[in-house]
Amino acid sequence: MSDVTQILSQIESGDPSAAEQLLPLVYDELRKLAQENPGQTLQATALVHEAYIRLVGVEKAQRWNSRRHFFGAAAEAMRRILINLIKPRS
């Protein structure tokens, strides 16, 4: 089991310190995902932080089956954040 997968499991189990351990391990990969969106108005760092908070900073821990599952969810979260930024408000 990779370090990321193990920490994701700890987050799911309710370990409050696990989220702090996860960010340094996934930050570079999340930044690469964030930079794949040319022309976006949100800086990559801000996008990564917002997505991370949505994924890990919730009261009820989400279940991540694997590292791949986590990064897929992170990519989806970033897309949703960007869509919400450009979506006209009525």
C-alpha atoms as a PDB file:
ATOM      1  CA  MET A   1       0.000   0.000   0.000  1.00  0.00           C
ATOM      2  CA  SER A   2       1.445   3.380  -0.986  1.00  0.00           C
ATOM      3  CA  ASP A   3       1.892   6.159   1.548  1.00  0.00           C
ATOM      4  CA  VAL A   4      -0.905   8.134  -0.098  1.00  0.00           C
ATOM      5  CA  THR A   5      -3.321   5.209  -0.018  1.00  0.00           C
ATOM      6  CA  GLN A   6      -2.456   4.499   3.602  1.00  0.00           C
ATOM      7  CA  ILE A   7      -3.020   8.120   4.628  1.00  0.00           C
ATOM      8  CA  LEU A   8      -6.302   8.225   2.692  1.00  0.00           C
ATOM      9  CA  SER A   9      -7.375   5.203   4.714  1.00  0.00           C
ATOM     10  CA  GLN A  10      -6.410   6.993   7.931  1.00  0.00           C
ATOM     11  CA  ILE A  11      -8.472  10.027   6.905  1.00  0.00           C
ATOM     12  CA  GLU A  12     -11.429   7.754   6.280  1.00  0.00           C
ATOM     13  CA  SER A  13     -10.937   6.265   9.750  1.00  0.00           C
ATOM     14  CA  GLY A  14     -11.172   9.734  11.272  1.00  0.00           C
ATOM     15  CA  ASP A  15      -7.488  10.375  12.066  1.00  0.00           C
ATOM     16  CA  PRO A  16      -7.346  14.182  12.430  1.00  0.00           C
ATOM     17  CA  SER A  17      -3.614  14.420  11.661  1.00  0.00           C
ATOM     18  CA  ALA A  18      -3.771  12.384   8.452  1.00  0.00           C
ATOM     19  CA  ALA A  19      -4.950  15.275   6.255  1.00  0.00           C
ATOM     20  CA  GLU A  20      -1.892  17.287   7.259  1.00  0.00           C
ATOM     21  CA  GLN A  21       0.340  14.360   6.276  1.00  0.00           C
ATOM     22  CA  LEU A  22      -1.373  13.969   2.912  1.00  0.00           C
ATOM     23  CA  LEU A  23      -0.923  17.445   1.450  1.00  0.00           C
ATOM     24  CA  PRO A  24       2.885  17.361   1.157  1.00  0.00           C
ATOM     25  CA  LEU A  25       2.671  13.990  -0.602  1.00  0.00           C
ATOM     26  CA  VAL A  26       0.080  15.026  -3.200  1.00  0.00           C
ATOM     27  CA  TYR A  27       0.725  18.750  -3.630  1.00  0.00           C
ATOM     28  CA  ASP A  28       3.052  18.563  -6.656  1.00  0.00           C
ATOM     29  CA  GLU A  29       0.748  16.224  -8.558  1.00  0.00           C
ATOM     30  CA  LEU A  30      -2.285  18.387  -7.759  1.00  0.00           C
ATOM     31  CA  ARG A  31      -0.419  21.472  -9.052  1.00  0.00           C
ATOM     32  CA  LYS A  32       0.336  19.629 -12.297  1.00  0.00           C
ATOM     33  CA  LEU A  33      -3.369  18.838 -12.658  1.00  0.00           C
ATOM     34  CA  ALA A  34      -4.272  22.454 -11.931  1.00  0.00           C
ATOM     35  CA  GLN A  35      -1.834  23.777 -14.539  1.00  0.00           C
ATOM     36  CA  GLU A  36      -3.391  21.648 -17.281  1.00  0.00           C
ATOM     37  CA  ASN A  37      -6.189  24.221 -17.593  1.00  0.00           C
ATOM     38  CA  PRO A  38      -4.724  27.041 -19.737  1.00  0.00           C
ATOM     39  CA  GLY A  39      -6.471  30.369 -19.606  1.00  0.00           C
ATOM     40  CA  GLN A  40      -8.037  29.817 -16.210  1.00  0.00           C
ATOM     41  CA  THR A  41      -8.522  32.866 -14.032  1.00  0.00           C
ATOM     42  CA  LEU A  42      -7.678  31.132 -10.767  1.00  0.00           C
ATOM     43  CA  GLN A  43      -4.012  30.579  -9.950  1.00  0.00           C
ATOM     44  CA  ALA A  44      -2.913  26.946  -9.700  1.00  0.00           C
ATOM     45  CA  THR A  45      -2.054  27.300  -6.007  1.00  0.00           C
ATOM     46  CA  ALA A  46      -5.476  28.683  -5.142  1.00  0.00           C
ATOM     47  CA  LEU A  47      -7.175  25.994  -7.224  1.00  0.00           C
ATOM     48  CA  VAL A  48      -5.204  23.213  -5.498  1.00  0.00           C
ATOM     49  CA  HIS A  49      -6.000  24.570  -2.047  1.00  0.00           C
ATOM     50  CA  GLU A  50      -9.704  24.962  -2.777  1.00  0.00           C
ATOM     51  CA  ALA A  51      -9.959  21.455  -4.243  1.00  0.00           C
ATOM     52  CA  TYR A  52      -7.999  19.966  -1.327  1.00  0.00           C
ATOM     53  CA  ILE A  53     -10.315  21.598   1.199  1.00  0.00           C
ATOM     54  CA  ARG A  54     -13.345  20.236  -0.640  1.00  0.00           C
ATOM     55  CA  LEU A  55     -11.876  16.735  -0.737  1.00  0.00           C
ATOM     56  CA  VAL A  56     -10.324  16.411   2.710  1.00  0.00           C
ATOM     57  CA  GLY A  57     -11.672  19.280   4.784  1.00  0.00           C
ATOM     58  CA  VAL A  58     -15.192  17.950   5.142  1.00  0.00           C
ATOM     59  CA  GLU A  59     -16.792  16.829   8.380  1.00  0.00           C
ATOM     60  CA  LYS A  60     -17.673  13.389   7.055  1.00  0.00           C
ATOM     61  CA  ALA A  61     -14.617  11.596   5.689  1.00  0.00           C
ATOM     62  CA  GLN A  62     -14.922  10.459   2.110  1.00  0.00           C
ATOM     63  CA  ARG A  63     -13.906   6.984   1.060  1.00  0.00           C
ATOM     64  CA  TRP A  64     -10.973   6.742  -1.338  1.00  0.00           C
ATOM     65  CA  ASN A  65     -10.375   3.318  -2.857  1.00  0.00           C
ATOM     66  CA  SER A  66      -6.902   4.193  -4.066  1.00  0.00           C
ATOM     67  CA  ARG A  67      -4.461   6.921  -4.954  1.00  0.00           C
ATOM     68  CA  ARG A  68      -5.916   6.900  -8.475  1.00  0.00           C
ATOM     69  CA  HIS A  69      -9.431   7.399  -7.103  1.00  0.00           C
ATOM     70  CA  PHE A  70      -8.259  10.370  -5.018  1.00  0.00           C
ATOM     71  CA  PHE A  71      -6.534  12.089  -7.941  1.00  0.00           C
ATOM     72  CA  GLY A  72      -9.537  11.478 -10.178  1.00  0.00           C
ATOM     73  CA  ALA A  73     -11.765  13.097  -7.574  1.00  0.00           C
ATOM     74  CA  ALA A  74      -9.273  15.971  -7.256  1.00  0.00           C
ATOM     75  CA  ALA A  75      -9.345  16.580 -11.002  1.00  0.00           C
ATOM     76  CA  GLU A  76     -13.143  16.565 -10.937  1.00  0.00           C
ATOM     77  CA  ALA A  77     -13.204  18.982  -7.988  1.00  0.00           C
ATOM     78  CA  MET A  78     -10.895  21.371  -9.842  1.00  0.00           C
ATOM     79  CA  ARG A  79     -13.090  21.244 -12.953  1.00  0.00           C
ATOM     80  CA  ARG A  80     -16.180  22.023 -10.864  1.00  0.00           C
ATOM     81  CA  ILE A  81     -14.449  24.945  -9.160  1.00  0.00           C
ATOM     82  CA  LEU A  82     -13.431  26.398 -12.520  1.00  0.00           C
ATOM     83  CA  ILE A  83     -16.901  25.889 -13.999  1.00  0.00           C
ATOM     84  CA  ASN A  84     -18.465  27.666 -11.020  1.00  0.00           C
ATOM     85  CA  LEU A  85     -16.124  30.607 -11.581  1.00  0.00           C
ATOM     86  CA  ILE A  86     -17.165  31.114 -15.185  1.00  0.00           C
ATOM     87  CA  LYS A  87     -20.820  30.199 -14.833  1.00  0.00           C
ATOM     88  CA  PRO A  88     -23.025  33.302 -15.001  1.00  0.00           C
ATOM     89  CA  ARG A  89     -24.956  33.930 -11.834  1.00  0.00           C
ATOM     90  CA  SER A  90     -28.644  34.698 -12.114  1.00  0.00           C
END
